[in-house]
Amino acid sequence: MGIAVVGRAGWNARPPRDPDEVEQVAWPQRTEFIVHRTEGPTTQTPRSIQDTHMDERGWNDIGYNFLVRDDGTVYEGRGWLVRGAHASDHNITGIGCAYIGVNSPTEAAKESIRALYDEACAKAGRVLAQRGHSHVGDTDCPGTTLLAWVESGMPVDDRATVPYPPPDEERLV
């Protein structure tokens, strides 16, 4: 198990604006994996996304926990156990993973998103709910293509899909 992730130093991340506001989240609090899109060109860099989040939106750091490029490269945003800023009321329970692009993810991108999901479930020791951003907020993110993929169980290769929605005992109430 494990997926190669380009760490923050690898994409020249800025430090959080206020390190005292970085909130750690324990695995028992994580119950869902939320797929997003950045709505920009696939040439966006994690650093340009971070600059937008910090300079234009006034956030403490990049909002997502992870980002995925079309070639399948995975970038650490806030990481596994830091509270995100990607989905109101779901930033503690949800791990936010953003596809860098609009609405046409490649198979390599979907494979990496699925690998992150599988890794999150392994780290949590249980199945996490699969969500598109629009499942938890009033938005059209992650777009029709990614949303349909999430709702079909995020299938790739021969890996089993997880039904959407998850069993009642795993849903948020």
C-alpha atoms as a PDB file:
ATOM      1  CA  MET A   1       0.000   0.000   0.000  1.00  0.00           C
ATOM      2  CA  GLY A   2       1.141   3.534  -0.551  1.00  0.00           C
ATOM      3  CA  ILE A   3       1.156   6.128  -3.258  1.00  0.00           C
ATOM      4  CA  ALA A   4       3.938   8.479  -4.317  1.00  0.00           C
ATOM      5  CA  VAL A   5       3.090  12.015  -3.265  1.00  0.00           C
ATOM      6  CA  VAL A   6       5.008  15.171  -4.115  1.00  0.00           C
ATOM      7  CA  GLY A   7       5.452  16.841  -0.744  1.00  0.00           C
ATOM      8  CA  ARG A   8       4.974  20.520  -0.081  1.00  0.00           C
ATOM      9  CA  ALA A   9       8.687  21.264  -0.485  1.00  0.00           C
ATOM     10  CA  GLY A  10       8.566  19.567  -3.904  1.00  0.00           C
ATOM     11  CA  TRP A  11       6.108  22.146  -5.239  1.00  0.00           C
ATOM     12  CA  ASN A  12       7.588  25.076  -3.318  1.00  0.00           C
ATOM     13  CA  ALA A  13       4.608  25.545  -1.007  1.00  0.00           C
ATOM     14  CA  ARG A  14       4.380  28.620   1.128  1.00  0.00           C
ATOM     15  CA  PRO A  15       4.052  28.006   4.842  1.00  0.00           C
ATOM     16  CA  PRO A  16       0.589  28.552   6.323  1.00  0.00           C
ATOM     17  CA  ARG A  17      -0.101  32.201   7.022  1.00  0.00           C
ATOM     18  CA  ASP A  18      -0.674  31.491  10.730  1.00  0.00           C
ATOM     19  CA  PRO A  19       0.842  28.205  11.938  1.00  0.00           C
ATOM     20  CA  ASP A  20      -1.180  28.486  15.167  1.00  0.00           C
ATOM     21  CA  GLU A  21      -4.366  28.090  13.112  1.00  0.00           C
ATOM     22  CA  VAL A  22      -3.285  24.743  11.616  1.00  0.00           C
ATOM     23  CA  GLU A  23      -5.720  22.254  13.165  1.00  0.00           C
ATOM     24  CA  GLN A  24      -4.869  18.567  13.365  1.00  0.00           C
ATOM     25  CA  VAL A  25      -7.625  16.001  12.753  1.00  0.00           C
ATOM     26  CA  ALA A  26      -7.524  12.457  14.148  1.00  0.00           C
ATOM     27  CA  TRP A  27      -8.385   9.496  11.910  1.00  0.00           C
ATOM     28  CA  PRO A  28     -11.548   8.638  13.888  1.00  0.00           C
ATOM     29  CA  GLN A  29     -12.917  12.049  12.850  1.00  0.00           C
ATOM     30  CA  ARG A  30     -12.375  11.340   9.149  1.00  0.00           C
ATOM     31  CA  THR A  31     -15.508   9.768   7.677  1.00  0.00           C
ATOM     32  CA  GLU A  32     -15.522  10.848   4.040  1.00  0.00           C
ATOM     33  CA  PHE A  33     -13.368  11.487   0.986  1.00  0.00           C
ATOM     34  CA  ILE A  34     -14.524  14.482  -1.055  1.00  0.00           C
ATOM     35  CA  VAL A  35     -13.590  14.888  -4.735  1.00  0.00           C
ATOM     36  CA  HIS A  36     -13.248  18.406  -6.166  1.00  0.00           C
ATOM     37  CA  ARG A  37     -11.999  20.098  -9.317  1.00  0.00           C
ATOM     38  CA  THR A  38      -9.978  23.306  -9.451  1.00  0.00           C
ATOM     39  CA  GLU A  39     -11.960  24.746 -12.408  1.00  0.00           C
ATOM     40  CA  GLY A  40      -8.784  26.078 -13.977  1.00  0.00           C
ATOM     41  CA  PRO A  41      -6.556  24.854 -16.768  1.00  0.00           C
ATOM     42  CA  THR A  42      -4.727  21.569 -16.337  1.00  0.00           C
ATOM     43  CA  THR A  43      -1.511  23.608 -16.454  1.00  0.00           C
ATOM     44  CA  GLN A  44      -2.251  25.177 -13.043  1.00  0.00           C
ATOM     45  CA  THR A  45       0.371  24.454 -10.446  1.00  0.00           C
ATOM     46  CA  PRO A  46      -0.304  23.657  -6.810  1.00  0.00           C
ATOM     47  CA  ARG A  47       1.586  26.855  -5.975  1.00  0.00           C
ATOM     48  CA  SER A  48      -0.665  29.001  -8.184  1.00  0.00           C
ATOM     49  CA  ILE A  49      -3.719  27.396  -6.560  1.00  0.00           C
ATOM     50  CA  GLN A  50      -2.245  28.028  -3.116  1.00  0.00           C
ATOM     51  CA  ASP A  51      -1.540  31.657  -4.044  1.00  0.00           C
ATOM     52  CA  THR A  52      -5.174  32.109  -5.086  1.00  0.00           C
ATOM     53  CA  HIS A  53      -6.470  30.504  -1.898  1.00  0.00           C
ATOM     54  CA  MET A  54      -4.206  32.562   0.358  1.00  0.00           C
ATOM     55  CA  ASP A  55      -4.005  35.901  -1.478  1.00  0.00           C
ATOM     56  CA  GLU A  56      -7.453  36.210  -3.062  1.00  0.00           C
ATOM     57  CA  ARG A  57      -9.602  34.193  -0.652  1.00  0.00           C
ATOM     58  CA  GLY A  58      -7.653  35.043   2.496  1.00  0.00           C
ATOM     59  CA  TRP A  59      -7.292  31.427   3.616  1.00  0.00           C
ATOM     60  CA  ASN A  60      -4.507  30.247   5.878  1.00  0.00           C
ATOM     61  CA  ASP A  61      -3.148  27.835   3.246  1.00  0.00           C
ATOM     62  CA  ILE A  62      -4.176  25.874   0.163  1.00  0.00           C
ATOM     63  CA  GLY A  63      -7.657  24.488   0.824  1.00  0.00           C
ATOM     64  CA  TYR A  64      -7.295  20.888  -0.353  1.00  0.00           C
ATOM     65  CA  ASN A  65      -5.622  18.003   1.402  1.00  0.00           C
ATOM     66  CA  PHE A  66      -4.353  16.635  -1.944  1.00  0.00           C
ATOM     67  CA  LEU A  67      -4.315  17.602  -5.625  1.00  0.00           C
ATOM     68  CA  VAL A  68      -4.022  15.364  -8.695  1.00  0.00           C
ATOM     69  CA  ARG A  69      -2.743  16.264 -12.159  1.00  0.00           C
ATOM     70  CA  ASP A  70      -3.805  14.648 -15.471  1.00  0.00           C
ATOM     71  CA  ASP A  71      -0.600  12.603 -15.635  1.00  0.00           C
ATOM     72  CA  GLY A  72      -1.510  11.066 -12.258  1.00  0.00           C
ATOM     73  CA  THR A  73       0.963  13.074 -10.183  1.00  0.00           C
ATOM     74  CA  VAL A  74      -0.311  13.558  -6.633  1.00  0.00           C
ATOM     75  CA  TYR A  75       0.581  16.660  -4.616  1.00  0.00           C
ATOM     76  CA  GLU A  76       0.281  17.097  -0.881  1.00  0.00           C
ATOM     77  CA  GLY A  77      -1.846  20.092  -0.006  1.00  0.00           C
ATOM     78  CA  ARG A  78      -2.624  20.134   3.691  1.00  0.00           C
ATOM     79  CA  GLY A  79      -1.975  16.407   3.990  1.00  0.00           C
ATOM     80  CA  TRP A  80      -3.867  13.586   5.673  1.00  0.00           C
ATOM     81  CA  LEU A  81      -4.444  14.964   9.133  1.00  0.00           C
ATOM     82  CA  VAL A  82      -4.800  18.725   8.770  1.00  0.00           C
ATOM     83  CA  ARG A  83      -8.234  20.317   8.654  1.00  0.00           C
ATOM     84  CA  GLY A  84      -8.976  21.417   5.122  1.00  0.00           C
ATOM     85  CA  ALA A  85     -10.751  24.471   3.719  1.00  0.00           C
ATOM     86  CA  HIS A  86     -12.535  22.793   0.833  1.00  0.00           C
ATOM     87  CA  ALA A  87     -16.142  22.060   1.875  1.00  0.00           C
ATOM     88  CA  SER A  88     -18.001  24.004   4.561  1.00  0.00           C
ATOM     89  CA  ASP A  89     -19.066  21.817   7.478  1.00  0.00           C
ATOM     90  CA  HIS A  90     -17.011  18.909   6.056  1.00  0.00           C
ATOM     91  CA  ASN A  91     -13.444  20.129   6.513  1.00  0.00           C
ATOM     92  CA  ILE A  92     -12.853  17.962   9.582  1.00  0.00           C
ATOM     93  CA  THR A  93     -14.750  14.868   8.466  1.00  0.00           C
ATOM     94  CA  GLY A  94     -13.668  15.051   4.836  1.00  0.00           C
ATOM     95  CA  ILE A  95     -10.351  14.616   3.109  1.00  0.00           C
ATOM     96  CA  GLY A  96     -10.485  16.978   0.123  1.00  0.00           C
ATOM     97  CA  CYS A  97      -8.877  15.806  -3.114  1.00  0.00           C
ATOM     98  CA  ALA A  98      -8.914  18.170  -6.096  1.00  0.00           C
ATOM     99  CA  TYR A  99      -8.482  17.248  -9.737  1.00  0.00           C
ATOM    100  CA  ILE A 100      -6.401  19.988 -11.373  1.00  0.00           C
ATOM    101  CA  GLY A 101      -8.674  20.875 -14.267  1.00  0.00           C
ATOM    102  CA  VAL A 102     -12.301  21.423 -15.203  1.00  0.00           C
ATOM    103  CA  ASN A 103     -14.283  18.307 -16.111  1.00  0.00           C
ATOM    104  CA  SER A 104     -12.264  15.890 -18.215  1.00  0.00           C
ATOM    105  CA  PRO A 105     -10.000  13.858 -15.924  1.00  0.00           C
ATOM    106  CA  THR A 106      -7.745  11.306 -17.561  1.00  0.00           C
ATOM    107  CA  GLU A 107      -7.691   7.678 -16.507  1.00  0.00           C
ATOM    108  CA  ALA A 108      -4.328   8.367 -14.835  1.00  0.00           C
ATOM    109  CA  ALA A 109      -5.895  11.148 -12.754  1.00  0.00           C
ATOM    110  CA  LYS A 110      -8.822   8.931 -11.740  1.00  0.00           C
ATOM    111  CA  GLU A 111      -6.439   6.094 -10.835  1.00  0.00           C
ATOM    112  CA  SER A 112      -4.477   8.423  -8.553  1.00  0.00           C
ATOM    113  CA  ILE A 113      -7.613   9.800  -6.918  1.00  0.00           C
ATOM    114  CA  ARG A 114      -8.786   6.232  -6.327  1.00  0.00           C
ATOM    115  CA  ALA A 115      -5.366   5.283  -4.926  1.00  0.00           C
ATOM    116  CA  LEU A 116      -5.591   8.203  -2.490  1.00  0.00           C
ATOM    117  CA  TYR A 117      -9.064   7.053  -1.478  1.00  0.00           C
ATOM    118  CA  ASP A 118      -7.849   3.490  -0.928  1.00  0.00           C
ATOM    119  CA  GLU A 119      -4.911   4.777   1.114  1.00  0.00           C
ATOM    120  CA  ALA A 120      -7.246   6.958   3.202  1.00  0.00           C
ATOM    121  CA  CYS A 121      -9.479   3.957   3.937  1.00  0.00           C
ATOM    122  CA  ALA A 122      -6.431   1.886   4.912  1.00  0.00           C
ATOM    123  CA  LYS A 123      -5.136   4.625   7.200  1.00  0.00           C
ATOM    124  CA  ALA A 124      -8.590   5.097   8.751  1.00  0.00           C
ATOM    125  CA  GLY A 125      -9.053   1.345   9.149  1.00  0.00           C
ATOM    126  CA  ARG A 126     -12.523   1.474   7.570  1.00  0.00           C
ATOM    127  CA  VAL A 127     -14.407   2.415   4.418  1.00  0.00           C
ATOM    128  CA  LEU A 128     -14.841   6.177   4.034  1.00  0.00           C
ATOM    129  CA  ALA A 129     -17.843   7.611   2.247  1.00  0.00           C
ATOM    130  CA  GLN A 130     -17.159   8.729  -1.319  1.00  0.00           C
ATOM    131  CA  ARG A 131     -18.489  12.181  -2.062  1.00  0.00           C
ATOM    132  CA  GLY A 132     -18.371  14.754  -4.809  1.00  0.00           C
ATOM    133  CA  HIS A 133     -18.230  18.327  -3.529  1.00  0.00           C
ATOM    134  CA  SER A 134     -21.821  18.837  -4.702  1.00  0.00           C
ATOM    135  CA  HIS A 135     -22.973  16.065  -2.331  1.00  0.00           C
ATOM    136  CA  VAL A 136     -21.979  18.218   0.638  1.00  0.00           C
ATOM    137  CA  GLY A 137     -22.375  21.758  -0.687  1.00  0.00           C
ATOM    138  CA  ASP A 138     -24.369  23.919  -3.082  1.00  0.00           C
ATOM    139  CA  THR A 139     -21.996  23.780  -6.048  1.00  0.00           C
ATOM    140  CA  ASP A 140     -21.579  22.132  -9.435  1.00  0.00           C
ATOM    141  CA  CYS A 141     -18.121  20.912  -8.380  1.00  0.00           C
ATOM    142  CA  PRO A 142     -16.654  18.416  -9.233  1.00  0.00           C
ATOM    143  CA  GLY A 143     -18.508  18.560 -12.569  1.00  0.00           C
ATOM    144  CA  THR A 144     -20.674  15.972 -14.276  1.00  0.00           C
ATOM    145  CA  THR A 145     -17.873  13.617 -15.339  1.00  0.00           C
ATOM    146  CA  LEU A 146     -16.172  13.340 -11.947  1.00  0.00           C
ATOM    147  CA  LEU A 147     -19.499  13.265 -10.109  1.00  0.00           C
ATOM    148  CA  ALA A 148     -20.759  10.340 -12.211  1.00  0.00           C
ATOM    149  CA  TRP A 149     -17.463   8.549 -11.584  1.00  0.00           C
ATOM    150  CA  VAL A 150     -17.719   9.080  -7.817  1.00  0.00           C
ATOM    151  CA  GLU A 151     -21.347   7.928  -7.789  1.00  0.00           C
ATOM    152  CA  SER A 152     -20.405   4.771  -9.703  1.00  0.00           C
ATOM    153  CA  GLY A 153     -17.951   3.837  -6.934  1.00  0.00           C
ATOM    154  CA  MET A 154     -14.776   5.398  -8.358  1.00  0.00           C
ATOM    155  CA  PRO A 155     -13.961   2.366 -10.532  1.00  0.00           C
ATOM    156  CA  VAL A 156     -10.457   1.807 -11.911  1.00  0.00           C
ATOM    157  CA  ASP A 157      -8.707  -1.343 -13.045  1.00  0.00           C
ATOM    158  CA  ASP A 158     -10.146  -4.365 -11.285  1.00  0.00           C
ATOM    159  CA  ARG A 159     -10.523  -2.734  -7.876  1.00  0.00           C
ATOM    160  CA  ALA A 160     -13.884  -3.196  -6.251  1.00  0.00           C
ATOM    161  CA  THR A 161     -16.186  -0.238  -6.235  1.00  0.00           C
ATOM    162  CA  VAL A 162     -17.797   1.127  -3.116  1.00  0.00           C
ATOM    163  CA  PRO A 163     -21.516   1.701  -3.530  1.00  0.00           C
ATOM    164  CA  TYR A 164     -22.849   5.245  -3.389  1.00  0.00           C
ATOM    165  CA  PRO A 165     -24.270   6.116  -0.985  1.00  0.00           C
ATOM    166  CA  PRO A 166     -22.433   4.083   1.638  1.00  0.00           C
ATOM    167  CA  PRO A 167     -24.314   1.872   4.085  1.00  0.00           C
ATOM    168  CA  ASP A 168     -26.357   3.812   6.650  1.00  0.00           C
ATOM    169  CA  GLU A 169     -23.964   3.109   9.497  1.00  0.00           C
ATOM    170  CA  GLU A 170     -21.225   4.931   7.596  1.00  0.00           C
ATOM    171  CA  ARG A 171     -23.238   7.972   6.562  1.00  0.00           C
ATOM    172  CA  LEU A 172     -23.096  11.225   8.424  1.00  0.00           C
ATOM    173  CA  VAL A 173     -26.295  11.964  10.260  1.00  0.00           C
END
